[in-house]
Amino acid sequence: MNAPVAAPGSNKQWVERRAKAVSRGISAGAPVIAARAENSEIWDIEGNRYIDFGGGIAVVNTGHRHPLVMKRVYEQLEAFTHTCAMVMPYAPFIEVCEKLNAVAPISGEKKSALVTTGAEAVENAVKFARAYTGRSDIIAFNGGFHGRTLLGMTLTGKVVPYKTKFGPMAPGVWHVPFPVAHKGVTVDDTMHAIEWLFKADVEPSRVAAIIIEPVQGEGGFYVAPKELMLKLRKLCDDHGILLIADEIQSGFGRTGKFFAMEHYGVEPDLITAAKSLAGGFPLAAVVGRAKIMDAPDPGGIGGTYAGNPVACAAALGVFEAFEQEGLLEKANAQGQIIMERMTAIKAKGKGMPIGDIRGLGAMCAFELVTQHGGNEPDAGGAKALAAKCLERGLLILTCGVYADTVRMLTPLTASEMILNEGLDVLESAILGN
């Protein structure tokens, strides 16, 4: 393949064109225009290089343009690009479902359904739960993120910017606190809130499912305590409620396990997956117990582009990469380096104040606070740090209910040299060197 030709013009010119042509509602974190990318590096149209600590928001765990992914994609492009899986099925769709069924941490017979986006996966998980239980309501968590569709944003536990101006929300959705120790919210607080919910607002027999991110993504990379997962599983079993693990951001090796739920020894009934499932191509999935997945009538689940053959081919390349390159081990090693480095930077007590540092595997984050040793969120500091890093050639992402958290989603394929180069840039930006 010939090298891509960069679009003519400067970053500034294209940013101005974007402002005139693209809806203001679609944000742009970096005021530069991508031209090409390889593994853990991106170059803009002016030739500037950036180390990628964002991974397209956890989409390229296997790196940009992984050779095994691209090989599968090129082969599929030569065959066909679309038939609609509901009209004329094709092998890659079936193979991806088989592989998902094999790796999902759910015992017994499993089945999968492929769609296009994470929000679509979440909506369909709710449809499966409602069809199976005959119930309507869903319990979600404060700080959780489940998409920008009507039901997705209703389930999401963060108002700005996801719910602002878009009400009313979908009915039958209830929120309870997500335990965050350094914010003073305990597992007992969460469970008491559910108990009160059952007494004050909705009877358990009307609840179809509880949906939870094992590690909250947009909400701030808070890791659910094991105690919480154990208690939620028992609660669900006691009341005939399904447990849905939203692993759209935490799945596909990000936490050092294929799915984050493997850390808990707790089986969900349904799992949603997307983002790194297809290494940069739009593909999402719901995988779960076969009896639940078979509850909807034929035609009740699907979509014109659902399980696109090119995206399915890419996903098969992702599975190959994990099988051949020990990416789960690399995730754990990467996470250890990041956590040790950030702890050391914080211990210096200089530059921009760092608050809580947390993570699971390579799903790591830290908070910016207003003063050293404090706990007051500093959203402005996080935004300023992202800008300073970009100027120095490092792409980082912020998140959190308070917009004070910096998350790191470096491709698992990044070399240790590139990882440390990026951490050097981050340290320099934090310390003001």
Protein backbone atom coordinates (compact mmCIF):
# COMPACT_ATOMS: atom_id res chain seq x y z
CA MET A 1 0.00 0.00 0.00
CA ASN A 2 1.24 3.50 -0.81
CA ALA A 3 1.75 5.94 2.06
CA PRO A 4 -1.31 8.15 2.65
CA VAL A 5 -1.19 11.65 1.27
CA ALA A 6 -1.80 14.28 3.93
CA ALA A 7 -4.61 16.75 3.34
CA PRO A 8 -3.23 20.08 2.10
CA GLY A 9 -3.27 23.04 4.45
CA SER A 10 -2.43 23.74 8.08
CA ASN A 11 -3.99 22.58 11.32
CA LYS A 12 -5.31 26.10 11.83
CA GLN A 13 -7.00 26.16 8.42
CA TRP A 14 -8.69 22.82 8.96
CA VAL A 15 -9.80 23.69 12.48
CA GLU A 16 -11.45 26.80 11.05
CA ARG A 17 -13.14 24.74 8.32
CA ARG A 18 -14.33 22.27 10.94
CA ALA A 19 -15.88 25.05 13.00
CA LYS A 20 -17.91 26.16 10.00
CA ALA A 21 -18.94 22.69 8.79
CA VAL A 22 -19.32 20.44 11.85
CA SER A 23 -21.98 20.58 14.57
CA ARG A 24 -20.81 22.34 17.73
CA GLY A 25 -22.24 19.41 19.67
CA ILE A 26 -19.41 17.17 18.44
CA SER A 27 -16.45 18.19 20.56
CA ALA A 28 -12.83 18.22 19.42
CA GLY A 29 -10.29 17.73 22.15
CA ALA A 30 -7.17 18.53 20.13
CA PRO A 31 -6.87 21.52 17.77
CA VAL A 32 -4.87 19.47 15.25
CA ILE A 33 -5.82 17.25 12.32
CA ALA A 34 -4.67 13.64 12.13
CA ALA A 35 -2.88 12.49 8.97
CA ARG A 36 -1.61 9.01 9.82
CA ALA A 37 -1.00 6.69 12.74
CA GLU A 38 1.06 3.58 13.52
CA ASN A 39 0.87 1.54 16.72
CA SER A 40 1.10 4.15 19.53
CA GLU A 41 2.03 7.21 17.49
CA ILE A 42 -0.01 9.74 15.46
CA TRP A 43 1.18 12.42 13.04
CA ASP A 44 -0.84 15.51 12.15
CA ILE A 45 -1.09 17.09 8.70
CA GLU A 46 1.86 19.37 9.46
CA GLY A 47 4.05 16.37 10.28
CA ASN A 48 4.06 16.82 14.05
CA ARG A 49 4.36 13.56 16.01
CA TYR A 50 2.29 12.65 19.06
CA ILE A 51 2.58 9.73 21.45
CA ASP A 52 -0.94 8.41 21.87
CA PHE A 53 -2.03 7.92 25.48
CA GLY A 54 -5.72 8.10 24.46
CA GLY A 55 -6.03 5.17 22.09
CA GLY A 56 -9.06 6.69 20.37
CA ILE A 57 -10.82 6.42 23.77
CA ALA A 58 -9.77 2.80 24.37
CA VAL A 59 -10.47 1.71 20.80
CA VAL A 60 -6.97 0.69 19.72
CA ASN A 61 -5.74 -1.57 22.52
CA THR A 62 -3.95 -3.44 19.73
CA GLY A 63 -2.48 -0.20 18.39
CA HIS A 64 -3.19 1.80 15.27
CA ARG A 65 -3.25 -0.34 12.13
CA HIS A 66 -2.07 -3.57 13.73
CA PRO A 67 -0.66 -5.81 10.95
CA LEU A 68 -2.90 -8.76 11.83
CA VAL A 69 -5.97 -6.52 11.85
CA MET A 70 -5.07 -4.82 8.57
CA LYS A 71 -4.32 -8.15 6.84
CA ARG A 72 -7.81 -9.40 7.68
CA VAL A 73 -9.36 -6.10 6.59
CA TYR A 74 -7.62 -6.07 3.20
CA GLU A 75 -8.68 -9.66 2.57
CA GLN A 76 -12.30 -8.89 3.42
CA LEU A 77 -12.31 -5.76 1.25
CA GLU A 78 -11.39 -7.94 -1.73
CA ALA A 79 -14.37 -10.24 -1.03
CA PHE A 80 -17.35 -7.99 -0.12
CA THR A 81 -18.12 -5.08 2.18
CA HIS A 82 -21.83 -5.56 2.90
CA THR A 83 -24.69 -7.97 2.43
CA CYS A 84 -26.54 -7.24 5.71
CA ALA A 85 -26.07 -10.07 8.17
CA MET A 86 -29.85 -10.39 8.51
CA VAL A 87 -30.25 -10.87 4.74
CA MET A 88 -27.32 -13.10 3.82
CA PRO A 89 -25.13 -14.14 6.76
CA TYR A 90 -21.36 -14.49 6.44
CA ALA A 91 -18.62 -16.43 8.19
CA PRO A 92 -16.75 -13.60 9.97
CA PHE A 93 -19.93 -12.61 11.86
CA ILE A 94 -20.35 -16.17 13.11
CA GLU A 95 -16.66 -16.55 13.95
CA VAL A 96 -16.61 -13.39 16.05
CA CYS A 97 -19.65 -14.60 18.01
CA GLU A 98 -17.96 -17.95 18.58
CA LYS A 99 -14.83 -16.27 19.90
CA LEU A 100 -16.80 -13.94 22.17
CA ASN A 101 -18.71 -16.91 23.57
CA ALA A 102 -15.41 -18.67 24.25
CA VAL A 103 -13.78 -15.82 26.20
CA ALA A 104 -16.76 -14.34 28.07
CA PRO A 105 -16.49 -15.06 31.84
CA ILE A 106 -19.95 -16.64 32.00
CA SER A 107 -20.48 -20.34 32.62
CA GLY A 108 -22.72 -22.59 30.54
CA GLU A 109 -24.03 -22.09 27.04
CA LYS A 110 -23.56 -18.60 25.65
CA LYS A 111 -24.63 -16.70 22.56
CA SER A 112 -23.73 -13.29 21.12
CA ALA A 113 -25.26 -10.54 19.02
CA LEU A 114 -23.22 -8.05 16.98
CA VAL A 115 -24.21 -4.43 16.44
CA THR A 116 -22.31 -1.26 15.51
CA THR A 117 -21.77 1.05 18.50
CA GLY A 118 -21.39 0.81 22.26
CA ALA A 119 -24.62 2.66 22.89
CA GLU A 120 -26.38 0.21 20.59
CA ALA A 121 -24.92 -2.69 22.56
CA VAL A 122 -26.19 -1.19 25.82
CA GLU A 123 -29.68 -0.61 24.41
CA ASN A 124 -29.81 -4.18 23.14
CA ALA A 125 -28.59 -5.56 26.46
CA VAL A 126 -31.58 -3.84 28.07
CA LYS A 127 -33.85 -5.31 25.38
CA PHE A 128 -32.52 -8.81 26.08
CA ALA A 129 -33.04 -8.30 29.82
CA ARG A 130 -36.58 -7.02 29.39
CA ALA A 131 -37.51 -9.78 26.95
CA TYR A 132 -36.18 -12.47 29.26
CA THR A 133 -37.52 -11.20 32.57
CA GLY A 134 -40.75 -9.61 31.38
CA ARG A 135 -39.82 -6.61 33.55
CA SER A 136 -39.20 -3.00 32.62
CA ASP A 137 -36.93 -1.08 34.99
CA ILE A 138 -33.14 -0.75 35.15
CA ILE A 139 -30.80 0.34 37.95
CA ALA A 140 -27.60 2.17 36.99
CA PHE A 141 -24.89 4.05 38.88
CA ASN A 142 -23.93 7.67 39.42
CA GLY A 143 -20.92 8.48 37.25
CA GLY A 144 -21.55 5.62 34.85
CA PHE A 145 -21.44 6.19 31.11
CA HIS A 146 -23.56 4.09 28.75
CA GLY A 147 -23.86 6.13 25.56
CA ARG A 148 -25.50 9.14 23.96
CA THR A 149 -28.73 7.62 22.66
CA LEU A 150 -31.93 8.34 24.60
CA LEU A 151 -31.75 5.23 26.77
CA GLY A 152 -27.94 5.37 26.90
CA MET A 153 -27.86 8.93 28.22
CA THR A 154 -30.69 8.13 30.64
CA LEU A 155 -28.60 5.28 32.07
CA THR A 156 -25.55 7.54 32.17
CA GLY A 157 -24.96 9.07 35.60
CA LYS A 158 -23.39 12.34 34.48
CA VAL A 159 -25.42 15.38 33.44
CA VAL A 160 -22.89 17.68 31.72
CA PRO A 161 -22.59 17.40 28.77
CA TYR A 162 -24.51 14.20 28.12
CA LYS A 163 -27.98 15.15 29.35
CA THR A 164 -27.91 18.94 29.14
CA LYS A 165 -30.75 20.25 26.90
CA PHE A 166 -31.88 16.72 25.95
CA GLY A 167 -34.66 15.89 28.42
CA PRO A 168 -37.00 14.34 29.24
CA MET A 169 -35.16 11.08 29.83
CA ALA A 170 -36.50 7.57 29.25
CA PRO A 171 -38.73 6.20 32.04
CA GLY A 172 -37.93 3.30 34.31
CA VAL A 173 -34.27 4.08 35.05
CA TRP A 174 -32.96 4.59 38.60
CA HIS A 175 -29.53 5.68 39.82
CA VAL A 176 -27.64 4.80 42.99
CA PRO A 177 -24.22 5.96 44.25
CA PHE A 178 -21.07 4.26 42.97
CA PRO A 179 -18.68 3.58 45.86
CA VAL A 180 -15.62 5.85 45.82
CA ALA A 181 -13.64 5.57 49.04
CA HIS A 182 -11.75 8.88 48.87
CA LYS A 183 -15.03 10.68 48.15
CA GLY A 184 -16.59 9.14 51.25
CA VAL A 185 -18.99 6.76 49.45
CA THR A 186 -18.83 3.15 50.68
CA VAL A 187 -20.21 -0.15 49.43
CA ASP A 188 -22.67 -0.07 52.34
CA ASP A 189 -23.87 3.34 51.13
CA THR A 190 -24.54 1.85 47.69
CA MET A 191 -26.40 -1.15 49.02
CA HIS A 192 -28.46 1.00 51.43
CA ALA A 193 -29.42 3.22 48.50
CA ILE A 194 -30.69 0.20 46.59
CA GLU A 195 -32.64 -0.95 49.64
CA TRP A 196 -34.27 2.48 49.93
CA LEU A 197 -34.95 2.51 46.21
CA PHE A 198 -36.89 -0.73 46.63
CA LYS A 199 -38.88 0.79 49.49
CA ALA A 200 -39.50 4.25 48.07
CA ASP A 201 -39.58 4.09 44.28
CA VAL A 202 -39.66 0.68 42.58
CA GLU A 203 -40.41 -2.84 43.72
CA PRO A 204 -37.68 -5.43 42.97
CA SER A 205 -40.13 -7.50 40.93
CA ARG A 206 -40.26 -4.67 38.36
CA VAL A 207 -36.50 -4.43 37.91
CA ALA A 208 -35.14 -6.29 34.89
CA ALA A 209 -31.43 -5.58 35.38
CA ILE A 210 -28.67 -3.73 37.17
CA ILE A 211 -26.04 -2.35 34.78
CA ILE A 212 -22.55 -1.50 35.98
CA GLU A 213 -19.13 -0.69 34.56
CA PRO A 214 -16.56 -2.78 36.49
CA VAL A 215 -14.25 0.19 36.00
CA GLN A 216 -16.10 3.41 35.27
CA GLY A 217 -14.86 4.95 32.04
CA GLU A 218 -16.09 8.48 31.43
CA GLY A 219 -16.99 8.71 35.11
CA GLY A 220 -13.36 8.73 36.20
CA PHE A 221 -11.80 5.22 36.09
CA TYR A 222 -13.13 4.29 39.50
CA VAL A 223 -12.69 0.56 40.10
CA ALA A 224 -15.70 -1.23 41.55
CA PRO A 225 -14.77 -2.99 44.83
CA LYS A 226 -15.02 -6.77 44.78
CA GLU A 227 -17.35 -6.58 47.79
CA LEU A 228 -19.80 -4.57 45.69
CA MET A 229 -19.82 -7.10 42.85
CA LEU A 230 -20.41 -9.98 45.26
CA LYS A 231 -23.31 -8.17 46.92
CA LEU A 232 -24.85 -7.14 43.61
CA ARG A 233 -24.70 -10.74 42.37
CA LYS A 234 -26.47 -11.99 45.49
CA LEU A 235 -29.06 -9.20 45.31
CA CYS A 236 -29.78 -10.04 41.68
CA ASP A 237 -30.07 -13.75 42.45
CA ASP A 238 -32.40 -13.08 45.38
CA HIS A 239 -34.79 -10.99 43.27
CA GLY A 240 -34.54 -12.54 39.80
CA ILE A 241 -32.71 -9.48 38.44
CA LEU A 242 -30.08 -9.76 35.71
CA LEU A 243 -26.58 -8.33 36.15
CA ILE A 244 -25.20 -6.52 33.07
CA ALA A 245 -21.48 -5.72 32.93
CA ASP A 246 -20.81 -2.81 30.62
CA GLU A 247 -17.28 -3.64 29.45
CA ILE A 248 -17.23 -1.34 26.44
CA GLN A 249 -14.18 0.54 27.76
CA SER A 250 -12.79 -1.94 30.29
CA GLY A 251 -12.86 -4.98 28.00
CA PHE A 252 -10.41 -6.51 25.52
CA GLY A 253 -7.38 -6.65 27.74
CA ARG A 254 -7.38 -3.11 29.09
CA THR A 255 -7.35 -4.26 32.73
CA GLY A 256 -4.95 -7.16 32.25
CA LYS A 257 -7.80 -9.64 31.83
CA PHE A 258 -9.80 -10.09 28.66
CA PHE A 259 -12.81 -8.75 30.55
CA ALA A 260 -12.56 -6.81 33.81
CA MET A 261 -15.21 -9.03 35.43
CA GLU A 262 -12.60 -11.79 35.56
CA HIS A 263 -10.94 -9.90 38.42
CA TYR A 264 -14.01 -10.39 40.61
CA GLY A 265 -14.86 -14.06 40.39
CA VAL A 266 -18.45 -12.92 39.76
CA GLU A 267 -20.38 -13.91 36.66
CA PRO A 268 -22.62 -11.34 34.99
CA ASP A 269 -25.59 -12.49 32.95
CA LEU A 270 -24.83 -10.20 30.02
CA ILE A 271 -21.70 -8.33 28.88
CA THR A 272 -21.51 -5.45 26.44
CA ALA A 273 -18.38 -4.96 24.35
CA ALA A 274 -17.28 -2.47 21.71
CA LYS A 275 -14.33 -0.02 21.34
CA SER A 276 -11.25 -2.31 21.08
CA LEU A 277 -13.30 -5.27 19.86
CA ALA A 278 -12.39 -4.46 16.24
CA GLY A 279 -9.17 -2.47 16.57
CA GLY A 280 -10.45 0.80 15.14
CA PHE A 281 -13.45 -0.39 13.12
CA PRO A 282 -17.05 0.13 14.31
CA LEU A 283 -18.28 -3.05 15.95
CA ALA A 284 -20.07 -3.79 19.22
CA ALA A 285 -21.54 -6.85 20.86
CA VAL A 286 -23.72 -8.29 23.58
CA VAL A 287 -22.72 -11.71 24.89
CA GLY A 288 -24.62 -13.61 27.54
CA ARG A 289 -26.38 -16.71 28.71
CA ALA A 290 -28.00 -18.45 25.75
CA LYS A 291 -31.47 -18.58 27.31
CA ILE A 292 -31.40 -14.80 27.79
CA MET A 293 -29.96 -14.11 24.35
CA ASP A 294 -32.70 -16.22 22.76
CA ALA A 295 -35.55 -14.40 24.54
CA PRO A 296 -36.34 -11.82 21.79
CA ASP A 297 -38.32 -12.93 18.76
CA PRO A 298 -36.49 -13.22 15.41
CA GLY A 299 -36.03 -9.74 13.92
CA GLY A 300 -36.26 -8.01 17.30
CA ILE A 301 -32.49 -7.55 17.39
CA GLY A 302 -30.27 -6.36 14.56
CA GLY A 303 -29.51 -3.45 12.28
CA THR A 304 -28.64 -2.76 8.66
CA TYR A 305 -24.93 -2.34 9.40
CA ALA A 306 -24.83 -4.57 12.48
CA GLY A 307 -21.78 -6.82 12.40
CA ASN A 308 -20.32 -5.28 9.24
CA PRO A 309 -18.10 -7.87 7.52
CA VAL A 310 -15.02 -5.61 7.37
CA ALA A 311 -15.35 -4.81 11.07
CA CYS A 312 -15.85 -8.51 11.86
CA ALA A 313 -12.70 -9.35 9.92
CA ALA A 314 -10.83 -6.70 11.93
CA ALA A 315 -12.11 -8.25 15.17
CA LEU A 316 -10.74 -11.63 14.14
CA GLY A 317 -7.37 -9.91 13.69
CA VAL A 318 -7.70 -8.47 17.21
CA PHE A 319 -8.28 -11.93 18.65
CA GLU A 320 -5.22 -13.17 16.75
CA ALA A 321 -3.11 -10.36 18.17
CA PHE A 322 -4.11 -11.23 21.72
CA GLU A 323 -3.43 -14.90 21.14
CA GLN A 324 -0.01 -14.39 19.54
CA GLU A 325 1.48 -11.40 21.35
CA GLY A 326 0.75 -11.86 25.06
CA LEU A 327 -1.13 -8.58 25.29
CA LEU A 328 -2.73 -9.38 28.64
CA GLU A 329 0.71 -9.71 30.21
CA LYS A 330 1.77 -6.50 28.46
CA ALA A 331 -1.26 -4.72 29.90
CA ASN A 332 -0.29 -5.64 33.44
CA ALA A 333 3.33 -4.63 32.86
CA GLN A 334 2.26 -1.31 31.32
CA GLY A 335 -0.10 -0.58 34.20
CA GLN A 336 2.62 -1.27 36.76
CA ILE A 337 5.01 1.15 35.04
CA ILE A 338 2.36 3.87 34.85
CA MET A 339 1.22 3.51 38.46
CA GLU A 340 4.78 3.48 39.84
CA ARG A 341 5.74 6.49 37.76
CA MET A 342 2.67 8.55 38.71
CA THR A 343 3.15 7.70 42.39
CA ALA A 344 6.74 8.90 42.17
CA ILE A 345 5.72 12.14 40.45
CA LYS A 346 3.09 12.84 43.10
CA ALA A 347 5.58 12.14 45.88
CA LYS A 348 7.77 15.03 44.65
CA GLY A 349 5.04 17.43 45.80
CA LYS A 350 5.90 19.91 43.07
CA GLY A 351 4.14 21.43 40.09
CA MET A 352 0.48 20.64 39.44
CA PRO A 353 -1.05 18.96 42.52
CA ILE A 354 -2.02 15.29 41.99
CA GLY A 355 -4.79 13.69 44.02
CA ASP A 356 -5.95 10.10 43.87
CA ILE A 357 -4.09 7.69 41.57
CA ARG A 358 -5.93 4.54 40.60
CA GLY A 359 -6.19 1.80 38.04
CA LEU A 360 -6.66 -1.82 37.16
CA GLY A 361 -4.14 -3.32 34.75
CA ALA A 362 -3.44 -0.70 32.09
CA MET A 363 -6.65 1.24 32.79
CA CYS A 364 -4.99 3.98 34.84
CA ALA A 365 -5.92 7.50 35.90
CA PHE A 366 -5.05 10.28 38.31
CA GLU A 367 -6.86 13.36 39.57
CA LEU A 368 -5.71 16.97 39.47
CA VAL A 369 -6.56 18.83 42.68
CA THR A 370 -6.28 22.45 43.78
CA GLN A 371 -3.50 21.93 46.34
CA HIS A 372 -0.93 19.31 47.30
CA GLY A 373 -2.38 16.87 49.79
CA GLY A 374 -5.91 18.08 49.08
CA ASN A 375 -8.96 16.50 47.53
CA GLU A 376 -10.69 19.44 45.81
CA PRO A 377 -11.15 18.69 42.09
CA ASP A 378 -9.34 20.94 39.61
CA ALA A 379 -11.05 20.63 36.23
CA GLY A 380 -9.16 23.64 34.92
CA GLY A 381 -5.88 22.02 35.87
CA ALA A 382 -6.73 18.83 34.02
CA LYS A 383 -7.68 20.78 30.90
CA ALA A 384 -4.49 22.84 31.11
CA LEU A 385 -2.36 19.73 31.52
CA ALA A 386 -3.90 18.14 28.41
CA ALA A 387 -3.07 21.29 26.43
CA LYS A 388 0.50 21.43 27.75
CA CYS A 389 1.06 17.76 26.89
CA LEU A 390 -0.28 18.22 23.36
CA GLU A 391 2.14 21.09 22.78
CA ARG A 392 4.96 18.73 23.83
CA GLY A 393 3.81 15.86 21.62
CA LEU A 394 1.69 13.75 23.97
CA LEU A 395 -2.04 13.11 23.59
CA ILE A 396 -3.89 12.55 26.87
CA LEU A 397 -7.60 12.48 27.72
CA THR A 398 -9.53 13.87 30.65
CA CYS A 399 -12.72 12.48 32.21
CA GLY A 400 -14.65 12.31 35.46
CA VAL A 401 -17.84 13.74 36.87
CA TYR A 402 -15.77 16.74 37.98
CA ALA A 403 -13.68 16.74 34.74
CA ASP A 404 -10.59 16.57 36.97
CA THR A 405 -9.25 13.17 35.97
CA VAL A 406 -6.55 12.32 33.44
CA ARG A 407 -6.96 8.84 32.02
CA MET A 408 -4.30 6.89 30.17
CA LEU A 409 -5.30 4.43 27.48
CA THR A 410 -2.01 3.75 25.77
CA PRO A 411 -2.16 0.92 23.18
CA LEU A 412 -1.10 -2.33 24.82
CA THR A 413 1.28 -2.83 21.90
CA ALA A 414 3.29 0.31 22.77
CA SER A 415 6.96 -0.38 23.40
CA GLU A 416 8.35 0.29 26.87
CA MET A 417 10.57 2.94 25.28
CA ILE A 418 7.57 4.83 23.82
CA LEU A 419 5.64 4.44 27.08
CA ASN A 420 8.47 5.93 29.10
CA GLU A 421 8.99 8.70 26.55
CA GLY A 422 5.32 9.65 26.98
CA LEU A 423 5.59 9.50 30.77
CA ASP A 424 8.66 11.75 30.59
CA VAL A 425 6.60 14.31 28.67
CA LEU A 426 3.76 14.00 31.18
CA GLU A 427 6.10 14.46 34.13
CA SER A 428 7.71 17.50 32.52
CA ALA A 429 4.30 19.07 31.91
CA ILE A 430 3.15 18.41 35.49
CA LEU A 431 6.33 19.74 37.08
CA GLY A 432 6.53 22.72 34.74
CA ASN A 433 10.04 21.84 33.47
